[in-house]
Amino acid sequence: MTDVISPDELENMLSGQNPLRVLDVRRRSDIQEDPSMIPGAEWKDPEAVDTWGNELGEKEVVIYCVRGGSVSKATQEKLREYTIKARYIEGGFEAWKKLGKPTSKR
């Protein structure tokens, strides 16, 4: 499994039968600036990954931050310490929106 997933791949997976957990790990300030998110995603504070990281269970996890950079990578590394298979969206939430993918309000 690769570390990244494209917005198109994620959209296809969300429309399928694959049990998948999507986590919005944007910083609190980024969420306040843009409260929209990928439908079905849940926000998790990236600063508190040690608190929630071991509670994710067995589902495949896809995470995203604003641009698919340092926040996603740092969160992914932490999740791996809990043996959770996590990928992040290439280009982050900005790439998702730029491609016209659906969003919802928190």
PDB file of N, CA and C in Angstrom:
ATOM      1  N   MET A   1       0.850  -1.183   0.000  1.00  0.00           N
ATOM      2  CA  MET A   1       0.000   0.000   0.000  1.00  0.00           C
ATOM      3  C   MET A   1       0.888   1.236   0.000  1.00  0.00           C
ATOM      4  N   THR A   2       0.537   2.169  -0.851  1.00  0.00           N
ATOM      5  CA  THR A   2       1.307   3.418  -0.905  1.00  0.00           C
ATOM      6  C   THR A   2       0.866   4.356   0.210  1.00  0.00           C
ATOM      7  N   ASP A   3       1.666   5.386   0.428  1.00  0.00           N
ATOM      8  CA  ASP A   3       1.373   6.367   1.471  1.00  0.00           C
ATOM      9  C   ASP A   3       0.280   7.337   1.077  1.00  0.00           C
ATOM     10  N   VAL A   4       0.079   7.526  -0.225  1.00  0.00           N
ATOM     11  CA  VAL A   4      -0.862   8.547  -0.689  1.00  0.00           C
ATOM     12  C   VAL A   4      -1.995   7.932  -1.510  1.00  0.00           C
ATOM     13  N   ILE A   5      -3.070   8.686  -1.592  1.00  0.00           N
ATOM     14  CA  ILE A   5      -4.218   8.297  -2.395  1.00  0.00           C
ATOM     15  C   ILE A   5      -4.670   9.564  -3.130  1.00  0.00           C
ATOM     16  N   SER A   6      -5.083   9.412  -4.360  1.00  0.00           N
ATOM     17  CA  SER A   6      -5.542  10.582  -5.107  1.00  0.00           C
ATOM     18  C   SER A   6      -6.989  10.896  -4.718  1.00  0.00           C
ATOM     19  N   PRO A   7      -7.418  12.141  -4.929  1.00  0.00           N
ATOM     20  CA  PRO A   7      -8.823  12.462  -4.671  1.00  0.00           C
ATOM     21  C   PRO A   7      -9.781  11.550  -5.453  1.00  0.00           C
ATOM     22  N   ASP A   8      -9.442  11.243  -6.699  1.00  0.00           N
ATOM     23  CA  ASP A   8     -10.304  10.363  -7.498  1.00  0.00           C
ATOM     24  C   ASP A   8     -10.387   8.963  -6.896  1.00  0.00           C
ATOM     25  N   GLU A   9      -9.253   8.424  -6.456  1.00  0.00           N
ATOM     26  CA  GLU A   9      -9.257   7.093  -5.831  1.00  0.00           C
ATOM     27  C   GLU A   9     -10.129   7.087  -4.578  1.00  0.00           C
ATOM     28  N   LEU A  10     -10.000   8.130  -3.767  1.00  0.00           N
ATOM     29  CA  LEU A  10     -10.809   8.202  -2.551  1.00  0.00           C
ATOM     30  C   LEU A  10     -12.287   8.287  -2.890  1.00  0.00           C
ATOM     31  N   GLU A  11     -12.636   9.123  -3.843  1.00  0.00           N
ATOM     32  CA  GLU A  11     -14.050   9.250  -4.220  1.00  0.00           C
ATOM     33  C   GLU A  11     -14.611   7.896  -4.666  1.00  0.00           C
ATOM     34  N   ASN A  12     -13.844   7.144  -5.451  1.00  0.00           N
ATOM     35  CA  ASN A  12     -14.277   5.814  -5.888  1.00  0.00           C
ATOM     36  C   ASN A  12     -14.444   4.871  -4.708  1.00  0.00           C
ATOM     37  N   MET A  13     -13.504   4.933  -3.761  1.00  0.00           N
ATOM     38  CA  MET A  13     -13.590   4.058  -2.594  1.00  0.00           C
ATOM     39  C   MET A  13     -14.800   4.404  -1.727  1.00  0.00           C
ATOM     40  N   LEU A  14     -15.103   5.683  -1.611  1.00  0.00           N
ATOM     41  CA  LEU A  14     -16.238   6.095  -0.786  1.00  0.00           C
ATOM     42  C   LEU A  14     -17.572   5.654  -1.382  1.00  0.00           C
ATOM     43  N   SER A  15     -17.620   5.501  -2.694  1.00  0.00           N
ATOM     44  CA  SER A  15     -18.861   5.063  -3.326  1.00  0.00           C
ATOM     45  C   SER A  15     -18.972   3.545  -3.367  1.00  0.00           C
ATOM     46  N   GLY A  16     -17.936   2.839  -2.957  1.00  0.00           N
ATOM     47  CA  GLY A  16     -17.940   1.381  -2.962  1.00  0.00           C
ATOM     48  C   GLY A  16     -18.341   0.794  -1.620  1.00  0.00           C
ATOM     49  N   GLN A  17     -18.066  -0.483  -1.453  1.00  0.00           N
ATOM     50  CA  GLN A  17     -18.446  -1.214  -0.247  1.00  0.00           C
ATOM     51  C   GLN A  17     -17.304  -1.330   0.759  1.00  0.00           C
ATOM     52  N   ASN A  18     -16.157  -0.765   0.422  1.00  0.00           N
ATOM     53  CA  ASN A  18     -14.980  -0.875   1.274  1.00  0.00           C
ATOM     54  C   ASN A  18     -15.171  -0.069   2.559  1.00  0.00           C
ATOM     55  N   PRO A  19     -15.102  -0.715   3.736  1.00  0.00           N
ATOM     56  CA  PRO A  19     -15.206   0.064   4.974  1.00  0.00           C
ATOM     57  C   PRO A  19     -13.990   0.978   5.129  1.00  0.00           C
ATOM     58  N   LEU A  20     -14.245   2.246   5.226  1.00  0.00           N
ATOM     59  CA  LEU A  20     -13.176   3.231   5.181  1.00  0.00           C
ATOM     60  C   LEU A  20     -13.485   4.336   6.172  1.00  0.00           C
ATOM     61  N   ARG A  21     -12.474   4.795   6.849  1.00  0.00           N
ATOM     62  CA  ARG A  21     -12.640   5.917   7.784  1.00  0.00           C
ATOM     63  C   ARG A  21     -11.825   7.089   7.252  1.00  0.00           C
ATOM     64  N   VAL A  22     -12.484   8.228   7.047  1.00  0.00           N
ATOM     65  CA  VAL A  22     -11.819   9.424   6.541  1.00  0.00           C
ATOM     66  C   VAL A  22     -11.710  10.426   7.688  1.00  0.00           C
ATOM     67  N   LEU A  23     -10.484  10.859   7.942  1.00  0.00           N
ATOM     68  CA  LEU A  23     -10.232  11.780   9.037  1.00  0.00           C
ATOM     69  C   LEU A  23      -9.666  13.099   8.523  1.00  0.00           C
ATOM     70  N   ASP A  24     -10.315  14.166   8.909  1.00  0.00           N
ATOM     71  CA  ASP A  24      -9.858  15.518   8.609  1.00  0.00           C
ATOM     72  C   ASP A  24      -8.904  15.899   9.742  1.00  0.00           C
ATOM     73  N   VAL A  25      -7.622  16.031   9.422  1.00  0.00           N
ATOM     74  CA  VAL A  25      -6.629  16.356  10.455  1.00  0.00           C
ATOM     75  C   VAL A  25      -6.053  17.754  10.241  1.00  0.00           C
ATOM     76  N   ARG A  26      -6.889  18.629   9.682  1.00  0.00           N
ATOM     77  CA  ARG A  26      -6.437  20.015   9.549  1.00  0.00           C
ATOM     78  C   ARG A  26      -6.349  20.646  10.940  1.00  0.00           C
ATOM     79  N   ARG A  27      -5.439  21.589  11.070  1.00  0.00           N
ATOM     80  CA  ARG A  27      -5.310  22.300  12.344  1.00  0.00           C
ATOM     81  C   ARG A  27      -6.593  23.056  12.654  1.00  0.00           C
ATOM     82  N   ARG A  28      -6.839  23.267  13.918  1.00  0.00           N
ATOM     83  CA  ARG A  28      -8.056  23.951  14.367  1.00  0.00           C
ATOM     84  C   ARG A  28      -8.245  25.298  13.650  1.00  0.00           C
ATOM     85  N   SER A  29      -7.181  26.044  13.474  1.00  0.00           N
ATOM     86  CA  SER A  29      -7.281  27.353  12.801  1.00  0.00           C
ATOM     87  C   SER A  29      -7.699  27.192  11.338  1.00  0.00           C
ATOM     88  N   ASP A  30      -7.235  26.119  10.676  1.00  0.00           N
ATOM     89  CA  ASP A  30      -7.626  25.880   9.283  1.00  0.00           C
ATOM     90  C   ASP A  30      -9.095  25.494   9.184  1.00  0.00           C
ATOM     91  N   ILE A  31      -9.585  24.729  10.145  1.00  0.00           N
ATOM     92  CA  ILE A  31     -11.005  24.345  10.180  1.00  0.00           C
ATOM     93  C   ILE A  31     -11.877  25.581  10.390  1.00  0.00           C
ATOM     94  N   GLN A  32     -11.429  26.483  11.254  1.00  0.00           N
ATOM     95  CA  GLN A  32     -12.204  27.696  11.513  1.00  0.00           C
ATOM     96  C   GLN A  32     -12.253  28.583  10.267  1.00  0.00           C
ATOM     97  N   GLU A  33     -11.169  28.584   9.508  1.00  0.00           N
ATOM     98  CA  GLU A  33     -11.108  29.376   8.279  1.00  0.00           C
ATOM     99  C   GLU A  33     -12.003  28.786   7.194  1.00  0.00           C
ATOM    100  N   ASP A  34     -12.048  27.461   7.096  1.00  0.00           N
ATOM    101  CA  ASP A  34     -12.866  26.770   6.101  1.00  0.00           C
ATOM    102  C   ASP A  34     -13.512  25.560   6.768  1.00  0.00           C
ATOM    103  N   PRO A  35     -14.759  25.719   7.274  1.00  0.00           N
ATOM    104  CA  PRO A  35     -15.397  24.623   7.999  1.00  0.00           C
ATOM    105  C   PRO A  35     -15.948  23.495   7.123  1.00  0.00           C
ATOM    106  N   SER A  36     -15.838  23.617   5.804  1.00  0.00           N
ATOM    107  CA  SER A  36     -16.317  22.526   4.957  1.00  0.00           C
ATOM    108  C   SER A  36     -15.357  21.339   5.062  1.00  0.00           C
ATOM    109  N   MET A  37     -15.869  20.165   4.723  1.00  0.00           N
ATOM    110  CA  MET A  37     -15.046  18.960   4.791  1.00  0.00           C
ATOM    111  C   MET A  37     -15.560  17.915   3.807  1.00  0.00           C
ATOM    112  N   ILE A  38     -14.818  16.839   3.656  1.00  0.00           N
ATOM    113  CA  ILE A  38     -15.251  15.742   2.797  1.00  0.00           C
ATOM    114  C   ILE A  38     -16.435  15.063   3.480  1.00  0.00           C
ATOM    115  N   PRO A  39     -17.536  14.833   2.747  1.00  0.00           N
ATOM    116  CA  PRO A  39     -18.710  14.197   3.361  1.00  0.00           C
ATOM    117  C   PRO A  39     -18.341  12.869   4.029  1.00  0.00           C
ATOM    118  N   GLY A  40     -18.797  12.705   5.259  1.00  0.00           N
ATOM    119  CA  GLY A  40     -18.521  11.479   6.007  1.00  0.00           C
ATOM    120  C   GLY A  40     -17.241  11.525   6.817  1.00  0.00           C
ATOM    121  N   ALA A  41     -16.427  12.547   6.598  1.00  0.00           N
ATOM    122  CA  ALA A  41     -15.171  12.653   7.350  1.00  0.00           C
ATOM    123  C   ALA A  41     -15.457  13.116   8.769  1.00  0.00           C
ATOM    124  N   GLU A  42     -14.539  12.804   9.657  1.00  0.00           N
ATOM    125  CA  GLU A  42     -14.643  13.316  11.014  1.00  0.00           C
ATOM    126  C   GLU A  42     -13.352  14.046  11.355  1.00  0.00           C
ATOM    127  N   TRP A  43     -13.483  15.161  12.048  1.00  0.00           N
ATOM    128  CA  TRP A  43     -12.301  15.942  12.397  1.00  0.00           C
ATOM    129  C   TRP A  43     -11.635  15.363  13.624  1.00  0.00           C
ATOM    130  N   LYS A  44     -10.323  15.255  13.545  1.00  0.00           N
ATOM    131  CA  LYS A  44      -9.503  14.824  14.672  1.00  0.00           C
ATOM    132  C   LYS A  44      -8.361  15.822  14.792  1.00  0.00           C
ATOM    133  N   ASP A  45      -8.143  16.307  15.990  1.00  0.00           N
ATOM    134  CA  ASP A  45      -7.090  17.285  16.241  1.00  0.00           C
ATOM    135  C   ASP A  45      -5.721  16.633  16.029  1.00  0.00           C
ATOM    136  N   PRO A  46      -4.944  17.106  15.051  1.00  0.00           N
ATOM    137  CA  PRO A  46      -3.642  16.479  14.796  1.00  0.00           C
ATOM    138  C   PRO A  46      -2.684  16.647  15.966  1.00  0.00           C
ATOM    139  N   GLU A  47      -2.912  17.648  16.798  1.00  0.00           N
ATOM    140  CA  GLU A  47      -2.060  17.873  17.962  1.00  0.00           C
ATOM    141  C   GLU A  47      -2.318  16.838  19.053  1.00  0.00           C
ATOM    142  N   ALA A  48      -3.455  16.135  18.968  1.00  0.00           N
ATOM    143  CA  ALA A  48      -3.841  15.172  20.005  1.00  0.00           C
ATOM    144  C   ALA A  48      -3.860  13.740  19.491  1.00  0.00           C
ATOM    145  N   VAL A  49      -3.098  13.455  18.436  1.00  0.00           N
ATOM    146  CA  VAL A  49      -3.118  12.114  17.846  1.00  0.00           C
ATOM    147  C   VAL A  49      -2.751  11.042  18.873  1.00  0.00           C
ATOM    148  N   ASP A  50      -1.951  11.370  19.863  1.00  0.00           N
ATOM    149  CA  ASP A  50      -1.617  10.391  20.904  1.00  0.00           C
ATOM    150  C   ASP A  50      -2.841  10.011  21.729  1.00  0.00           C
ATOM    151  N   THR A  51      -3.827  10.884  21.780  1.00  0.00           N
ATOM    152  CA  THR A  51      -5.041  10.618  22.543  1.00  0.00           C
ATOM    153  C   THR A  51      -6.008   9.727  21.779  1.00  0.00           C
ATOM    154  N   TRP A  52      -6.175   9.971  20.486  1.00  0.00           N
ATOM    155  CA  TRP A  52      -7.173   9.228  19.714  1.00  0.00           C
ATOM    156  C   TRP A  52      -6.598   8.189  18.764  1.00  0.00           C
ATOM    157  N   GLY A  53      -5.314   8.198  18.546  1.00  0.00           N
ATOM    158  CA  GLY A  53      -4.709   7.323  17.541  1.00  0.00           C
ATOM    159  C   GLY A  53      -4.911   5.844  17.759  1.00  0.00           C
ATOM    160  N   ASN A  54      -4.912   5.402  19.013  1.00  0.00           N
ATOM    161  CA  ASN A  54      -5.056   3.968  19.265  1.00  0.00           C
ATOM    162  C   ASN A  54      -6.507   3.531  19.372  1.00  0.00           C
ATOM    163  N   GLU A  55      -7.457   4.425  19.092  1.00  0.00           N
ATOM    164  CA  GLU A  55      -8.881   4.103  19.199  1.00  0.00           C
ATOM    165  C   GLU A  55      -9.548   3.913  17.838  1.00  0.00           C
ATOM    166  N   LEU A  56      -8.782   3.839  16.780  1.00  0.00           N
ATOM    167  CA  LEU A  56      -9.368   3.845  15.436  1.00  0.00           C
ATOM    168  C   LEU A  56      -9.902   2.499  14.965  1.00  0.00           C
ATOM    169  N   GLY A  57      -9.449   1.414  15.530  1.00  0.00           N
ATOM    170  CA  GLY A  57      -9.959   0.114  15.114  1.00  0.00           C
ATOM    171  C   GLY A  57      -9.289  -0.395  13.855  1.00  0.00           C
ATOM    172  N   GLU A  58      -9.997  -1.278  13.165  1.00  0.00           N
ATOM    173  CA  GLU A  58      -9.414  -2.031  12.055  1.00  0.00           C
ATOM    174  C   GLU A  58      -9.653  -1.447  10.669  1.00  0.00           C
ATOM    175  N   LYS A  59     -10.565  -0.497  10.540  1.00  0.00           N
ATOM    176  CA  LYS A  59     -10.877   0.036   9.212  1.00  0.00           C
ATOM    177  C   LYS A  59      -9.663   0.727   8.607  1.00  0.00           C
ATOM    178  N   GLU A  60      -9.635   0.718   7.281  1.00  0.00           N
ATOM    179  CA  GLU A  60      -8.617   1.489   6.581  1.00  0.00           C
ATOM    180  C   GLU A  60      -8.875   2.967   6.844  1.00  0.00           C
ATOM    181  N   VAL A  61      -7.796   3.724   7.008  1.00  0.00           N
ATOM    182  CA  VAL A  61      -7.912   5.136   7.338  1.00  0.00           C
ATOM    183  C   VAL A  61      -7.287   5.984   6.236  1.00  0.00           C
ATOM    184  N   VAL A  62      -8.005   7.028   5.831  1.00  0.00           N
ATOM    185  CA  VAL A  62      -7.465   8.039   4.923  1.00  0.00           C
ATOM    186  C   VAL A  62      -7.563   9.368   5.660  1.00  0.00           C
ATOM    187  N   ILE A  63      -6.448  10.084   5.718  1.00  0.00           N
ATOM    188  CA  ILE A  63      -6.411  11.363   6.406  1.00  0.00           C
ATOM    189  C   ILE A  63      -6.131  12.477   5.403  1.00  0.00           C
ATOM    190  N   TYR A  64      -6.498  13.683   5.783  1.00  0.00           N
ATOM    191  CA  TYR A  64      -6.152  14.819   4.937  1.00  0.00           C
ATOM    192  C   TYR A  64      -5.981  16.068   5.787  1.00  0.00           C
ATOM    193  N   CYS A  65      -5.073  16.911   5.318  1.00  0.00           N
ATOM    194  CA  CYS A  65      -4.893  18.240   5.894  1.00  0.00           C
ATOM    195  C   CYS A  65      -5.171  19.226   4.758  1.00  0.00           C
ATOM    196  N   VAL A  66      -4.688  20.433   4.865  1.00  0.00           N
ATOM    197  CA  VAL A  66      -5.002  21.440   3.852  1.00  0.00           C
ATOM    198  C   VAL A  66      -4.393  21.076   2.497  1.00  0.00           C
ATOM    199  N   ARG A  67      -3.090  20.782   2.473  1.00  0.00           N
ATOM    200  CA  ARG A  67      -2.400  20.535   1.197  1.00  0.00           C
ATOM    201  C   ARG A  67      -1.697  19.180   1.119  1.00  0.00           C
ATOM    202  N   GLY A  68      -1.954  18.285   2.039  1.00  0.00           N
ATOM    203  CA  GLY A  68      -1.315  16.960   1.980  1.00  0.00           C
ATOM    204  C   GLY A  68       0.165  17.021   2.289  1.00  0.00           C
ATOM    205  N   GLY A  69       0.537  17.897   3.180  1.00  0.00           N
ATOM    206  CA  GLY A  69       1.951  18.088   3.510  1.00  0.00           C
ATOM    207  C   GLY A  69       2.309  17.609   4.895  1.00  0.00           C
ATOM    208  N   SER A  70       2.953  18.479   5.642  1.00  0.00           N
ATOM    209  CA  SER A  70       3.564  18.094   6.915  1.00  0.00           C
ATOM    210  C   SER A  70       2.571  17.593   7.958  1.00  0.00           C
ATOM    211  N   VAL A  71       1.378  18.167   8.026  1.00  0.00           N
ATOM    212  CA  VAL A  71       0.414  17.718   9.033  1.00  0.00           C
ATOM    213  C   VAL A  71      -0.037  16.285   8.734  1.00  0.00           C
ATOM    214  N   SER A  72      -0.369  16.015   7.475  1.00  0.00           N
ATOM    215  CA  SER A  72      -0.774  14.651   7.100  1.00  0.00           C
ATOM    216  C   SER A  72       0.353  13.662   7.340  1.00  0.00           C
ATOM    217  N   LYS A  73       1.550  14.015   6.933  1.00  0.00           N
ATOM    218  CA  LYS A  73       2.687  13.095   7.076  1.00  0.00           C
ATOM    219  C   LYS A  73       3.006  12.816   8.537  1.00  0.00           C
ATOM    220  N   ALA A  74       2.991  13.848   9.373  1.00  0.00           N
ATOM    221  CA  ALA A  74       3.284  13.655  10.794  1.00  0.00           C
ATOM    222  C   ALA A  74       2.206  12.802  11.460  1.00  0.00           C
ATOM    223  N   THR A  75       0.946  13.040  11.099  1.00  0.00           N
ATOM    224  CA  THR A  75      -0.152  12.259  11.670  1.00  0.00           C
ATOM    225  C   THR A  75      -0.059  10.812  11.208  1.00  0.00           C
ATOM    226  N   GLN A  76       0.252  10.613   9.940  1.00  0.00           N
ATOM    227  CA  GLN A  76       0.397   9.264   9.402  1.00  0.00           C
ATOM    228  C   GLN A  76       1.502   8.506  10.137  1.00  0.00           C
ATOM    229  N   GLU A  77       2.633   9.145  10.368  1.00  0.00           N
ATOM    230  CA  GLU A  77       3.726   8.498  11.085  1.00  0.00           C
ATOM    231  C   GLU A  77       3.300   8.084  12.487  1.00  0.00           C
ATOM    232  N   LYS A  78       2.586   8.957  13.174  1.00  0.00           N
ATOM    233  CA  LYS A  78       2.093   8.632  14.516  1.00  0.00           C
ATOM    234  C   LYS A  78       1.136   7.442  14.473  1.00  0.00           C
ATOM    235  N   LEU A  79       0.227   7.429  13.494  1.00  0.00           N
ATOM    236  CA  LEU A  79      -0.733   6.329  13.400  1.00  0.00           C
ATOM    237  C   LEU A  79      -0.029   5.001  13.142  1.00  0.00           C
ATOM    238  N   ARG A  80       1.035   5.043  12.404  1.00  0.00           N
ATOM    239  CA  ARG A  80       1.795   3.810  12.149  1.00  0.00           C
ATOM    240  C   ARG A  80       2.371   3.234  13.435  1.00  0.00           C
ATOM    241  N   GLU A  81       2.676   4.115  14.402  1.00  0.00           N
ATOM    242  CA  GLU A  81       3.155   3.629  15.698  1.00  0.00           C
ATOM    243  C   GLU A  81       2.087   2.785  16.390  1.00  0.00           C
ATOM    244  N   TYR A  82       0.825   3.023  16.058  1.00  0.00           N
ATOM    245  CA  TYR A  82      -0.289   2.237  16.589  1.00  0.00           C
ATOM    246  C   TYR A  82      -0.686   1.119  15.628  1.00  0.00           C
ATOM    247  N   THR A  83       0.166   0.846  14.657  1.00  0.00           N
ATOM    248  CA  THR A  83      -0.038  -0.172  13.611  1.00  0.00           C
ATOM    249  C   THR A  83      -1.323   0.052  12.810  1.00  0.00           C
ATOM    250  N   ILE A  84      -1.684   1.299  12.613  1.00  0.00           N
ATOM    251  CA  ILE A  84      -2.845   1.644  11.807  1.00  0.00           C
ATOM    252  C   ILE A  84      -2.380   1.992  10.403  1.00  0.00           C
ATOM    253  N   LYS A  85      -3.004   1.344   9.429  1.00  0.00           N
ATOM    254  CA  LYS A  85      -2.670   1.618   8.034  1.00  0.00           C
ATOM    255  C   LYS A  85      -3.402   2.880   7.608  1.00  0.00           C
ATOM    256  N   ALA A  86      -2.638   3.916   7.378  1.00  0.00           N
ATOM    257  CA  ALA A  86      -3.246   5.198   7.005  1.00  0.00           C
ATOM    258  C   ALA A  86      -2.568   5.759   5.762  1.00  0.00           C
ATOM    259  N   ARG A  87      -3.393   6.277   4.876  1.00  0.00           N
ATOM    260  CA  ARG A  87      -2.882   6.994   3.711  1.00  0.00           C
ATOM    261  C   ARG A  87      -3.403   8.417   3.792  1.00  0.00           C
ATOM    262  N   TYR A  88      -2.764   9.315   3.057  1.00  0.00           N
ATOM    263  CA  TYR A  88      -3.255  10.688   3.032  1.00  0.00           C
ATOM    264  C   TYR A  88      -3.512  11.107   1.594  1.00  0.00           C
ATOM    265  N   ILE A  89      -4.407  12.086   1.450  1.00  0.00           N
ATOM    266  CA  ILE A  89      -4.810  12.545   0.126  1.00  0.00           C
ATOM    267  C   ILE A  89      -3.707  13.402  -0.475  1.00  0.00           C
ATOM    268  N   GLU A  90      -3.293  13.003  -1.660  1.00  0.00           N
ATOM    269  CA  GLU A  90      -2.295  13.762  -2.406  1.00  0.00           C
ATOM    270  C   GLU A  90      -2.858  15.151  -2.711  1.00  0.00           C
ATOM    271  N   GLY A  91      -2.186  16.186  -2.238  1.00  0.00           N
ATOM    272  CA  GLY A  91      -2.658  17.550  -2.448  1.00  0.00           C
ATOM    273  C   GLY A  91      -3.651  18.027  -1.402  1.00  0.00           C
ATOM    274  N   GLY A  92      -4.049  17.133  -0.493  1.00  0.00           N
ATOM    275  CA  GLY A  92      -4.923  17.491   0.615  1.00  0.00           C
ATOM    276  C   GLY A  92      -6.314  17.956   0.202  1.00  0.00           C
ATOM    277  N   PHE A  93      -6.943  18.657   1.127  1.00  0.00           N
ATOM    278  CA  PHE A  93      -8.300  19.129   0.912  1.00  0.00           C
ATOM    279  C   PHE A  93      -8.365  20.140  -0.224  1.00  0.00           C
ATOM    280  N   GLU A  94      -7.307  20.895  -0.426  1.00  0.00           N
ATOM    281  CA  GLU A  94      -7.273  21.860  -1.533  1.00  0.00           C
ATOM    282  C   GLU A  94      -7.405  21.139  -2.874  1.00  0.00           C
ATOM    283  N   ALA A  95      -6.712  20.020  -3.036  1.00  0.00           N
ATOM    284  CA  ALA A  95      -6.809  19.252  -4.292  1.00  0.00           C
ATOM    285  C   ALA A  95      -8.220  18.692  -4.462  1.00  0.00           C
ATOM    286  N   TRP A  96      -8.803  18.207  -3.374  1.00  0.00           N
ATOM    287  CA  TRP A  96     -10.164  17.673  -3.406  1.00  0.00           C
ATOM    288  C   TRP A  96     -11.134  18.737  -3.927  1.00  0.00           C
ATOM    289  N   LYS A  97     -11.047  19.935  -3.349  1.00  0.00           N
ATOM    290  CA  LYS A  97     -11.962  21.016  -3.746  1.00  0.00           C
ATOM    291  C   LYS A  97     -11.683  21.498  -5.164  1.00  0.00           C
ATOM    292  N   LYS A  98     -10.408  21.587  -5.534  1.00  0.00           N
ATOM    293  CA  LYS A  98     -10.031  22.068  -6.863  1.00  0.00           C
ATOM    294  C   LYS A  98     -10.610  21.188  -7.961  1.00  0.00           C
ATOM    295  N   LEU A  99     -10.745  19.884  -7.669  1.00  0.00           N
ATOM    296  CA  LEU A  99     -11.311  18.943  -8.630  1.00  0.00           C
ATOM    297  C   LEU A  99     -12.841  18.935  -8.603  1.00  0.00           C
ATOM    298  N   GLY A 100     -13.422  19.788  -7.769  1.00  0.00           N
ATOM    299  CA  GLY A 100     -14.881  19.880  -7.718  1.00  0.00           C
ATOM    300  C   GLY A 100     -15.554  18.737  -6.987  1.00  0.00           C
ATOM    301  N   LYS A 101     -14.837  18.076  -6.115  1.00  0.00           N
ATOM    302  CA  LYS A 101     -15.409  16.959  -5.345  1.00  0.00           C
ATOM    303  C   LYS A 101     -16.382  17.524  -4.304  1.00  0.00           C
ATOM    304  N   PRO A 102     -17.329  16.699  -3.860  1.00  0.00           N
ATOM    305  CA  PRO A 102     -18.339  17.197  -2.918  1.00  0.00           C
ATOM    306  C   PRO A 102     -17.741  17.544  -1.548  1.00  0.00           C
ATOM    307  N   THR A 103     -18.331  18.554  -0.916  1.00  0.00           N
ATOM    308  CA  THR A 103     -17.965  18.924   0.450  1.00  0.00           C
ATOM    309  C   THR A 103     -19.236  19.097   1.258  1.00  0.00           C
ATOM    310  N   SER A 104     -19.094  19.051   2.561  1.00  0.00           N
ATOM    311  CA  SER A 104     -20.222  19.289   3.448  1.00  0.00           C
ATOM    312  C   SER A 104     -19.745  20.177   4.585  1.00  0.00           C
ATOM    313  N   LYS A 105     -20.688  20.748   5.296  1.00  0.00           N
ATOM    314  CA  LYS A 105     -20.345  21.577   6.455  1.00  0.00           C
ATOM    315  C   LYS A 105     -20.198  20.681   7.676  1.00  0.00           C
ATOM    316  N   ARG A 106     -19.381  21.131   8.601  1.00  0.00           N
ATOM    317  CA  ARG A 106     -19.184  20.386   9.847  1.00  0.00           C
ATOM    318  C   ARG A 106     -20.463  20.322  10.631  1.00  0.00           C
TER     319      ARG A 106
END
